[in-house]
PDB file of N, CA and C in Angstrom:
ATOM      1  N   MET A   1      26.016   6.092 -20.696  1.00  0.00           N
ATOM      2  CA  MET A   1      25.195   6.472 -19.573  1.00  0.00           C
ATOM      3  C   MET A   1      24.024   5.488 -19.473  1.00  0.00           C
ATOM      4  N   ILE A   2      23.669   5.196 -18.261  1.00  0.00           N
ATOM      5  CA  ILE A   2      22.546   4.306 -17.993  1.00  0.00           C
ATOM      6  C   ILE A   2      21.680   4.916 -16.890  1.00  0.00           C
ATOM      7  N   LYS A   3      20.446   4.437 -16.815  1.00  0.00           N
ATOM      8  CA  LYS A   3      19.578   4.867 -15.728  1.00  0.00           C
ATOM      9  C   LYS A   3      18.475   3.836 -15.541  1.00  0.00           C
ATOM     10  N   LEU A   4      17.848   3.907 -14.390  1.00  0.00           N
ATOM     11  CA  LEU A   4      16.707   3.057 -14.084  1.00  0.00           C
ATOM     12  C   LEU A   4      15.544   3.490 -14.965  1.00  0.00           C
ATOM     13  N   LYS A   5      14.842   2.521 -15.545  1.00  0.00           N
ATOM     14  CA  LYS A   5      13.690   2.861 -16.363  1.00  0.00           C
ATOM     15  C   LYS A   5      12.632   3.547 -15.508  1.00  0.00           C
ATOM     16  N   MET A   6      11.873   4.384 -16.163  1.00  0.00           N
ATOM     17  CA  MET A   6      10.767   5.049 -15.491  1.00  0.00           C
ATOM     18  C   MET A   6       9.792   3.975 -15.003  1.00  0.00           C
ATOM     19  N   ASN A   7       9.119   4.228 -13.947  1.00  0.00           N
ATOM     20  CA  ASN A   7       8.132   3.327 -13.360  1.00  0.00           C
ATOM     21  C   ASN A   7       8.749   2.197 -12.537  1.00  0.00           C
ATOM     22  N   TYR A   8      10.003   2.334 -12.163  1.00  0.00           N
ATOM     23  CA  TYR A   8      10.607   1.430 -11.186  1.00  0.00           C
ATOM     24  C   TYR A   8      11.021   2.266  -9.990  1.00  0.00           C
ATOM     25  N   ILE A   9      10.699   1.781  -8.812  1.00  0.00           N
ATOM     26  CA  ILE A   9      10.999   2.530  -7.593  1.00  0.00           C
ATOM     27  C   ILE A   9      11.622   1.603  -6.566  1.00  0.00           C
ATOM     28  N   THR A  10      12.297   2.197  -5.601  1.00  0.00           N
ATOM     29  CA  THR A  10      12.765   1.428  -4.454  1.00  0.00           C
ATOM     30  C   THR A  10      11.910   1.810  -3.260  1.00  0.00           C
ATOM     31  N   HIS A  11      11.697   0.831  -2.421  1.00  0.00           N
ATOM     32  CA  HIS A  11      10.948   1.042  -1.184  1.00  0.00           C
ATOM     33  C   HIS A  11      11.821   0.521  -0.049  1.00  0.00           C
ATOM     34  N   VAL A  12      12.120   1.379   0.903  1.00  0.00           N
ATOM     35  CA  VAL A  12      12.977   1.007   2.029  1.00  0.00           C
ATOM     36  C   VAL A  12      12.179   0.147   3.003  1.00  0.00           C
ATOM     37  N   THR A  13      12.800  -0.950   3.422  1.00  0.00           N
ATOM     38  CA  THR A  13      12.196  -1.837   4.410  1.00  0.00           C
ATOM     39  C   THR A  13      13.102  -1.853   5.635  1.00  0.00           C
ATOM     40  N   GLY A  14      12.741  -2.603   6.639  1.00  0.00           N
ATOM     41  CA  GLY A  14      13.565  -2.705   7.833  1.00  0.00           C
ATOM     42  C   GLY A  14      14.879  -3.428   7.599  1.00  0.00           C
ATOM     43  N   GLU A  15      14.959  -4.191   6.515  1.00  0.00           N
ATOM     44  CA  GLU A  15      16.144  -5.006   6.240  1.00  0.00           C
ATOM     45  C   GLU A  15      16.897  -4.574   4.988  1.00  0.00           C
ATOM     46  N   GLY A  16      16.602  -3.436   4.448  1.00  0.00           N
ATOM     47  CA  GLY A  16      17.233  -2.979   3.223  1.00  0.00           C
ATOM     48  C   GLY A  16      16.216  -2.256   2.381  1.00  0.00           C
ATOM     49  N   ALA A  17      15.994  -2.754   1.165  1.00  0.00           N
ATOM     50  CA  ALA A  17      15.026  -2.135   0.266  1.00  0.00           C
ATOM     51  C   ALA A  17      14.575  -3.172  -0.755  1.00  0.00           C
ATOM     52  N   VAL A  18      13.514  -2.829  -1.461  1.00  0.00           N
ATOM     53  CA  VAL A  18      13.036  -3.663  -2.554  1.00  0.00           C
ATOM     54  C   VAL A  18      12.835  -2.788  -3.783  1.00  0.00           C
ATOM     55  N   LEU A  19      12.988  -3.398  -4.938  1.00  0.00           N
ATOM     56  CA  LEU A  19      12.758  -2.734  -6.209  1.00  0.00           C
ATOM     57  C   LEU A  19      11.418  -3.229  -6.734  1.00  0.00           C
ATOM     58  N   LEU A  20      10.541  -2.289  -7.076  1.00  0.00           N
ATOM     59  CA  LEU A  20       9.193  -2.609  -7.535  1.00  0.00           C
ATOM     60  C   LEU A  20       8.885  -1.869  -8.827  1.00  0.00           C
ATOM     61  N   ALA A  21       8.005  -2.454  -9.615  1.00  0.00           N
ATOM     62  CA  ALA A  21       7.486  -1.768 -10.794  1.00  0.00           C
ATOM     63  C   ALA A  21       6.170  -1.120 -10.415  1.00  0.00           C
ATOM     64  N   VAL A  22       5.925   0.049 -10.969  1.00  0.00           N
ATOM     65  CA  VAL A  22       4.652   0.742 -10.768  1.00  0.00           C
ATOM     66  C   VAL A  22       4.113   1.143 -12.139  1.00  0.00           C
ATOM     67  N   GLY A  23       2.883   1.583 -12.173  1.00  0.00           N
ATOM     68  CA  GLY A  23       2.294   2.009 -13.437  1.00  0.00           C
ATOM     69  C   GLY A  23       2.211   0.864 -14.428  1.00  0.00           C
ATOM     70  N   LYS A  24       2.376   1.184 -15.704  1.00  0.00           N
ATOM     71  CA  LYS A  24       2.232   0.174 -16.755  1.00  0.00           C
ATOM     72  C   LYS A  24       3.277  -0.935 -16.645  1.00  0.00           C
ATOM     73  N   GLU A  25       4.435  -0.625 -16.104  1.00  0.00           N
ATOM     74  CA  GLU A  25       5.483  -1.644 -15.953  1.00  0.00           C
ATOM     75  C   GLU A  25       5.046  -2.763 -15.011  1.00  0.00           C
ATOM     76  N   ALA A  26       4.181  -2.447 -14.050  1.00  0.00           N
ATOM     77  CA  ALA A  26       3.722  -3.455 -13.097  1.00  0.00           C
ATOM     78  C   ALA A  26       2.909  -4.551 -13.772  1.00  0.00           C
ATOM     79  N   ASN A  27       2.365  -4.267 -14.948  1.00  0.00           N
ATOM     80  CA  ASN A  27       1.625  -5.282 -15.688  1.00  0.00           C
ATOM     81  C   ASN A  27       2.536  -6.355 -16.273  1.00  0.00           C
ATOM     82  N   GLU A  28       3.803  -6.011 -16.466  1.00  0.00           N
ATOM     83  CA  GLU A  28       4.745  -6.934 -17.081  1.00  0.00           C
ATOM     84  C   GLU A  28       5.818  -7.444 -16.117  1.00  0.00           C
ATOM     85  N   PHE A  29       6.131  -6.681 -15.106  1.00  0.00           N
ATOM     86  CA  PHE A  29       7.194  -7.029 -14.163  1.00  0.00           C
ATOM     87  C   PHE A  29       6.535  -7.449 -12.859  1.00  0.00           C
ATOM     88  N   HIS A  30       6.416  -8.750 -12.658  1.00  0.00           N
ATOM     89  CA  HIS A  30       5.696  -9.292 -11.504  1.00  0.00           C
ATOM     90  C   HIS A  30       6.659  -9.783 -10.434  1.00  0.00           C
ATOM     91  N   LYS A  31       7.668  -9.000 -10.152  1.00  0.00           N
ATOM     92  CA  LYS A  31       8.690  -9.401  -9.196  1.00  0.00           C
ATOM     93  C   LYS A  31       8.866  -8.329  -8.134  1.00  0.00           C
ATOM     94  N   VAL A  32       9.348  -8.765  -6.999  1.00  0.00           N
ATOM     95  CA  VAL A  32       9.829  -7.865  -5.969  1.00  0.00           C
ATOM     96  C   VAL A  32      11.290  -8.249  -5.780  1.00  0.00           C
ATOM     97  N   VAL A  33      12.189  -7.339  -6.087  1.00  0.00           N
ATOM     98  CA  VAL A  33      13.618  -7.614  -6.023  1.00  0.00           C
ATOM     99  C   VAL A  33      14.152  -7.078  -4.704  1.00  0.00           C
ATOM    100  N   LYS A  34      14.621  -7.973  -3.858  1.00  0.00           N
ATOM    101  CA  LYS A  34      15.176  -7.582  -2.564  1.00  0.00           C
ATOM    102  C   LYS A  34      16.591  -7.035  -2.775  1.00  0.00           C
ATOM    103  N   LEU A  35      16.850  -5.872  -2.203  1.00  0.00           N
ATOM    104  CA  LEU A  35      18.149  -5.209  -2.350  1.00  0.00           C
ATOM    105  C   LEU A  35      18.812  -5.058  -0.990  1.00  0.00           C
ATOM    106  N   ASN A  36      20.105  -5.356  -0.926  1.00  0.00           N
ATOM    107  CA  ASN A  36      20.812  -5.020   0.304  1.00  0.00           C
ATOM    108  C   ASN A  36      21.091  -3.515   0.282  1.00  0.00           C
ATOM    109  N   VAL A  37      21.671  -3.010   1.325  1.00  0.00           N
ATOM    110  CA  VAL A  37      21.867  -1.560   1.448  1.00  0.00           C
ATOM    111  C   VAL A  37      22.694  -1.003   0.292  1.00  0.00           C
ATOM    112  N   THR A  38      23.767  -1.693  -0.076  1.00  0.00           N
ATOM    113  CA  THR A  38      24.631  -1.198  -1.152  1.00  0.00           C
ATOM    114  C   THR A  38      23.914  -1.244  -2.493  1.00  0.00           C
ATOM    115  N   ALA A  39      23.201  -2.332  -2.765  1.00  0.00           N
ATOM    116  CA  ALA A  39      22.456  -2.431  -4.026  1.00  0.00           C
ATOM    117  C   ALA A  39      21.396  -1.336  -4.094  1.00  0.00           C
ATOM    118  N   ALA A  40      20.766  -1.030  -2.974  1.00  0.00           N
ATOM    119  CA  ALA A  40      19.772   0.042  -2.934  1.00  0.00           C
ATOM    120  C   ALA A  40      20.434   1.387  -3.251  1.00  0.00           C
ATOM    121  N   GLU A  41      21.640   1.603  -2.748  1.00  0.00           N
ATOM    122  CA  GLU A  41      22.363   2.845  -3.054  1.00  0.00           C
ATOM    123  C   GLU A  41      22.646   2.926  -4.554  1.00  0.00           C
ATOM    124  N   ILE A  42      23.054   1.801  -5.140  1.00  0.00           N
ATOM    125  CA  ILE A  42      23.337   1.772  -6.581  1.00  0.00           C
ATOM    126  C   ILE A  42      22.071   2.095  -7.361  1.00  0.00           C
ATOM    127  N   VAL A  43      20.969   1.459  -7.015  1.00  0.00           N
ATOM    128  CA  VAL A  43      19.703   1.708  -7.707  1.00  0.00           C
ATOM    129  C   VAL A  43      19.289   3.171  -7.550  1.00  0.00           C
ATOM    130  N   ASN A  44      19.446   3.729  -6.374  1.00  0.00           N
ATOM    131  CA  ASN A  44      19.102   5.141  -6.164  1.00  0.00           C
ATOM    132  C   ASN A  44      19.965   6.059  -7.017  1.00  0.00           C
ATOM    133  N   LEU A  45      21.245   5.717  -7.177  1.00  0.00           N
ATOM    134  CA  LEU A  45      22.121   6.512  -8.039  1.00  0.00           C
ATOM    135  C   LEU A  45      21.696   6.406  -9.498  1.00  0.00           C
ATOM    136  N   LEU A  46      21.074   5.285  -9.851  1.00  0.00           N
ATOM    137  CA  LEU A  46      20.619   5.068 -11.218  1.00  0.00           C
ATOM    138  C   LEU A  46      19.294   5.773 -11.524  1.00  0.00           C
ATOM    139  N   ALA A  47      18.741   6.474 -10.563  1.00  0.00           N
ATOM    140  CA  ALA A  47      17.521   7.242 -10.815  1.00  0.00           C
ATOM    141  C   ALA A  47      17.782   8.355 -11.827  1.00  0.00           C
ATOM    142  N   GLN A  48      19.021   8.818 -11.879  1.00  0.00           N
ATOM    143  CA  GLN A  48      19.455   9.830 -12.840  1.00  0.00           C
ATOM    144  C   GLN A  48      20.473   9.196 -13.773  1.00  0.00           C
ATOM    145  N   PRO A  49      20.595   9.685 -14.992  1.00  0.00           N
ATOM    146  CA  PRO A  49      21.616   9.131 -15.888  1.00  0.00           C
ATOM    147  C   PRO A  49      23.000   9.210 -15.247  1.00  0.00           C
ATOM    148  N   THR A  50      23.709   8.101 -15.287  1.00  0.00           N
ATOM    149  CA  THR A  50      25.044   8.031 -14.698  1.00  0.00           C
ATOM    150  C   THR A  50      25.825   6.933 -15.398  1.00  0.00           C
ATOM    151  N   ASP A  51      27.042   6.723 -14.962  1.00  0.00           N
ATOM    152  CA  ASP A  51      27.830   5.622 -15.503  1.00  0.00           C
ATOM    153  C   ASP A  51      28.446   4.825 -14.354  1.00  0.00           C
ATOM    154  N   GLU A  52      28.978   3.679 -14.711  1.00  0.00           N
ATOM    155  CA  GLU A  52      29.526   2.770 -13.712  1.00  0.00           C
ATOM    156  C   GLU A  52      30.619   3.423 -12.871  1.00  0.00           C
ATOM    157  N   GLU A  53      31.524   4.137 -13.509  1.00  0.00           N
ATOM    158  CA  GLU A  53      32.647   4.742 -12.797  1.00  0.00           C
ATOM    159  C   GLU A  53      32.180   5.790 -11.793  1.00  0.00           C
ATOM    160  N   THR A  54      31.159   6.543 -12.133  1.00  0.00           N
ATOM    161  CA  THR A  54      30.619   7.530 -11.196  1.00  0.00           C
ATOM    162  C   THR A  54      30.041   6.836  -9.969  1.00  0.00           C
ATOM    163  N   ILE A  55      29.323   5.753 -10.190  1.00  0.00           N
ATOM    164  CA  ILE A  55      28.760   4.990  -9.071  1.00  0.00           C
ATOM    165  C   ILE A  55      29.876   4.459  -8.186  1.00  0.00           C
ATOM    166  N   VAL A  56      30.919   3.916  -8.800  1.00  0.00           N
ATOM    167  CA  VAL A  56      32.063   3.404  -8.034  1.00  0.00           C
ATOM    168  C   VAL A  56      32.680   4.528  -7.209  1.00  0.00           C
ATOM    169  N   SER A  57      32.851   5.688  -7.799  1.00  0.00           N
ATOM    170  CA  SER A  57      33.455   6.824  -7.090  1.00  0.00           C
ATOM    171  C   SER A  57      32.609   7.254  -5.895  1.00  0.00           C
ATOM    172  N   VAL A  58      31.292   7.319  -6.082  1.00  0.00           N
ATOM    173  CA  VAL A  58      30.407   7.707  -4.979  1.00  0.00           C
ATOM    174  C   VAL A  58      30.502   6.685  -3.844  1.00  0.00           C
ATOM    175  N   LEU A  59      30.440   5.400  -4.182  1.00  0.00           N
ATOM    176  CA  LEU A  59      30.503   4.366  -3.148  1.00  0.00           C
ATOM    177  C   LEU A  59      31.876   4.316  -2.481  1.00  0.00           C
ATOM    178  N   ALA A  60      32.927   4.567  -3.240  1.00  0.00           N
ATOM    179  CA  ALA A  60      34.273   4.603  -2.653  1.00  0.00           C
ATOM    180  C   ALA A  60      34.371   5.745  -1.644  1.00  0.00           C
ATOM    181  N   GLY A  61      33.680   6.840  -1.906  1.00  0.00           N
ATOM    182  CA  GLY A  61      33.650   7.940  -0.950  1.00  0.00           C
ATOM    183  C   GLY A  61      32.824   7.614   0.280  1.00  0.00           C
ATOM    184  N   THR A  62      31.761   6.841   0.074  1.00  0.00           N
ATOM    185  CA  THR A  62      30.905   6.440   1.181  1.00  0.00           C
ATOM    186  C   THR A  62      31.571   5.380   2.050  1.00  0.00           C
ATOM    187  N   TYR A  63      32.329   4.496   1.411  1.00  0.00           N
ATOM    188  CA  TYR A  63      33.006   3.391   2.111  1.00  0.00           C
ATOM    189  C   TYR A  63      34.517   3.476   1.870  1.00  0.00           C
ATOM    190  N   PRO A  64      35.174   4.477   2.456  1.00  0.00           N
ATOM    191  CA  PRO A  64      36.601   4.705   2.158  1.00  0.00           C
ATOM    192  C   PRO A  64      37.529   3.579   2.610  1.00  0.00           C
ATOM    193  N   ASP A  65      37.086   2.734   3.521  1.00  0.00           N
ATOM    194  CA  ASP A  65      37.938   1.637   3.986  1.00  0.00           C
ATOM    195  C   ASP A  65      37.842   0.399   3.107  1.00  0.00           C
ATOM    196  N   GLU A  66      36.930   0.411   2.146  1.00  0.00           N
ATOM    197  CA  GLU A  66      36.765  -0.742   1.254  1.00  0.00           C
ATOM    198  C   GLU A  66      37.680  -0.612   0.043  1.00  0.00           C
ATOM    199  N   ASP A  67      38.103  -1.740  -0.479  1.00  0.00           N
ATOM    200  CA  ASP A  67      38.955  -1.792  -1.658  1.00  0.00           C
ATOM    201  C   ASP A  67      38.168  -1.328  -2.886  1.00  0.00           C
ATOM    202  N   ARG A  68      38.689  -0.357  -3.608  1.00  0.00           N
ATOM    203  CA  ARG A  68      37.990   0.197  -4.777  1.00  0.00           C
ATOM    204  C   ARG A  68      37.731  -0.879  -5.835  1.00  0.00           C
ATOM    205  N   ALA A  69      38.656  -1.807  -6.007  1.00  0.00           N
ATOM    206  CA  ALA A  69      38.470  -2.873  -6.989  1.00  0.00           C
ATOM    207  C   ALA A  69      37.283  -3.765  -6.606  1.00  0.00           C
ATOM    208  N   LEU A  70      37.112  -4.016  -5.325  1.00  0.00           N
ATOM    209  CA  LEU A  70      35.971  -4.804  -4.849  1.00  0.00           C
ATOM    210  C   LEU A  70      34.662  -4.044  -5.073  1.00  0.00           C
ATOM    211  N   ILE A  71      34.690  -2.758  -4.786  1.00  0.00           N
ATOM    212  CA  ILE A  71      33.510  -1.927  -5.034  1.00  0.00           C
ATOM    213  C   ILE A  71      33.151  -1.961  -6.518  1.00  0.00           C
ATOM    214  N   ALA A  72      34.152  -1.796  -7.376  1.00  0.00           N
ATOM    215  CA  ALA A  72      33.915  -1.810  -8.825  1.00  0.00           C
ATOM    216  C   ALA A  72      33.330  -3.142  -9.273  1.00  0.00           C
ATOM    217  N   SER A  73      33.825  -4.215  -8.720  1.00  0.00           N
ATOM    218  CA  SER A  73      33.318  -5.549  -9.051  1.00  0.00           C
ATOM    219  C   SER A  73      31.861  -5.708  -8.621  1.00  0.00           C
ATOM    220  N   ASP A  74      31.545  -5.238  -7.428  1.00  0.00           N
ATOM    221  CA  ASP A  74      30.171  -5.319  -6.926  1.00  0.00           C
ATOM    222  C   ASP A  74      29.221  -4.449  -7.750  1.00  0.00           C
ATOM    223  N   VAL A  75      29.667  -3.262  -8.121  1.00  0.00           N
ATOM    224  CA  VAL A  75      28.841  -2.374  -8.945  1.00  0.00           C
ATOM    225  C   VAL A  75      28.579  -3.033 -10.300  1.00  0.00           C
ATOM    226  N   LYS A  76      29.619  -3.576 -10.906  1.00  0.00           N
ATOM    227  CA  LYS A  76      29.468  -4.238 -12.206  1.00  0.00           C
ATOM    228  C   LYS A  76      28.473  -5.394 -12.110  1.00  0.00           C
ATOM    229  N   ALA A  77      28.599  -6.219 -11.075  1.00  0.00           N
ATOM    230  CA  ALA A  77      27.703  -7.368 -10.901  1.00  0.00           C
ATOM    231  C   ALA A  77      26.261  -6.912 -10.692  1.00  0.00           C
ATOM    232  N   THR A  78      26.068  -5.874  -9.899  1.00  0.00           N
ATOM    233  CA  THR A  78      24.724  -5.369  -9.641  1.00  0.00           C
ATOM    234  C   THR A  78      24.104  -4.813 -10.916  1.00  0.00           C
ATOM    235  N   ILE A  79      24.870  -4.062 -11.676  1.00  0.00           N
ATOM    236  CA  ILE A  79      24.361  -3.505 -12.937  1.00  0.00           C
ATOM    237  C   ILE A  79      24.017  -4.627 -13.912  1.00  0.00           C
ATOM    238  N   GLU A  80      24.846  -5.663 -13.978  1.00  0.00           N
ATOM    239  CA  GLU A  80      24.550  -6.799 -14.858  1.00  0.00           C
ATOM    240  C   GLU A  80      23.239  -7.471 -14.449  1.00  0.00           C
ATOM    241  N   GLN A  81      23.025  -7.636 -13.143  1.00  0.00           N
ATOM    242  CA  GLN A  81      21.779  -8.247 -12.675  1.00  0.00           C
ATOM    243  C   GLN A  81      20.577  -7.368 -13.013  1.00  0.00           C
ATOM    244  N   LEU A  82      20.725  -6.063 -12.873  1.00  0.00           N
ATOM    245  CA  LEU A  82      19.641  -5.146 -13.212  1.00  0.00           C
ATOM    246  C   LEU A  82      19.361  -5.161 -14.714  1.00  0.00           C
ATOM    247  N   ARG A  83      20.407  -5.296 -15.513  1.00  0.00           N
ATOM    248  CA  ARG A  83      20.216  -5.411 -16.970  1.00  0.00           C
ATOM    249  C   ARG A  83      19.455  -6.693 -17.310  1.00  0.00           C
ATOM    250  N   GLU A  84      19.802  -7.786 -16.642  1.00  0.00           N
ATOM    251  CA  GLU A  84      19.105  -9.056 -16.875  1.00  0.00           C
ATOM    252  C   GLU A  84      17.623  -8.947 -16.527  1.00  0.00           C
ATOM    253  N   LEU A  85      17.305  -8.143 -15.525  1.00  0.00           N
ATOM    254  CA  LEU A  85      15.917  -7.918 -15.148  1.00  0.00           C
ATOM    255  C   LEU A  85      15.203  -6.935 -16.088  1.00  0.00           C
ATOM    256  N   ASN A  86      15.979  -6.315 -16.983  1.00  0.00           N
ATOM    257  CA  ASN A  86      15.472  -5.350 -17.950  1.00  0.00           C
ATOM    258  C   ASN A  86      14.855  -4.127 -17.299  1.00  0.00           C
ATOM    259  N   VAL A  87      15.503  -3.622 -16.253  1.00  0.00           N
ATOM    260  CA  VAL A  87      15.006  -2.434 -15.568  1.00  0.00           C
ATOM    261  C   VAL A  87      15.888  -1.200 -15.811  1.00  0.00           C
ATOM    262  N   LEU A  88      16.921  -1.363 -16.643  1.00  0.00           N
ATOM    263  CA  LEU A  88      17.807  -0.242 -16.985  1.00  0.00           C
ATOM    264  C   LEU A  88      17.638   0.137 -18.435  1.00  0.00           C
ATOM    265  N   GLU A  89      17.949   1.388 -18.725  1.00  0.00           N
ATOM    266  CA  GLU A  89      17.958   1.832 -20.106  1.00  0.00           C
ATOM    267  C   GLU A  89      19.209   2.658 -20.365  1.00  0.00           C
ATOM    268  N   ASP A  90      19.689   2.573 -21.596  1.00  0.00           N
ATOM    269  CA  ASP A  90      20.821   3.395 -21.990  1.00  0.00           C
ATOM    270  C   ASP A  90      20.300   4.768 -22.368  1.00  0.00           C
ATOM    271  N   CYS A  91      21.078   5.768 -22.029  1.00  0.00           N
ATOM    272  CA  CYS A  91      20.649   7.136 -22.373  1.00  0.00           C
ATOM    273  C   CYS A  91      21.843   7.957 -22.810  1.00  0.00           C
TER     274      CYS A  91
END
């Protein structure tokens, strides 16, 4: 199970969303991460403990015309990028 670390939030913009650090995390994380709509959905799902397969299932339900393997690949890539940014924690 993984989840977004506490003190990271998404803020919806006119073109998607951004990921920001707040509180003590803002002292160390000096970035604004631009998210497309799908990445924002993934980050929002990560607000609660979840796993990759659950995220894939939710997105497959949201986008039933998309190939599940492509969705899984995109979810995996997004999670890897979030891990590189050190904004996820295992739980």
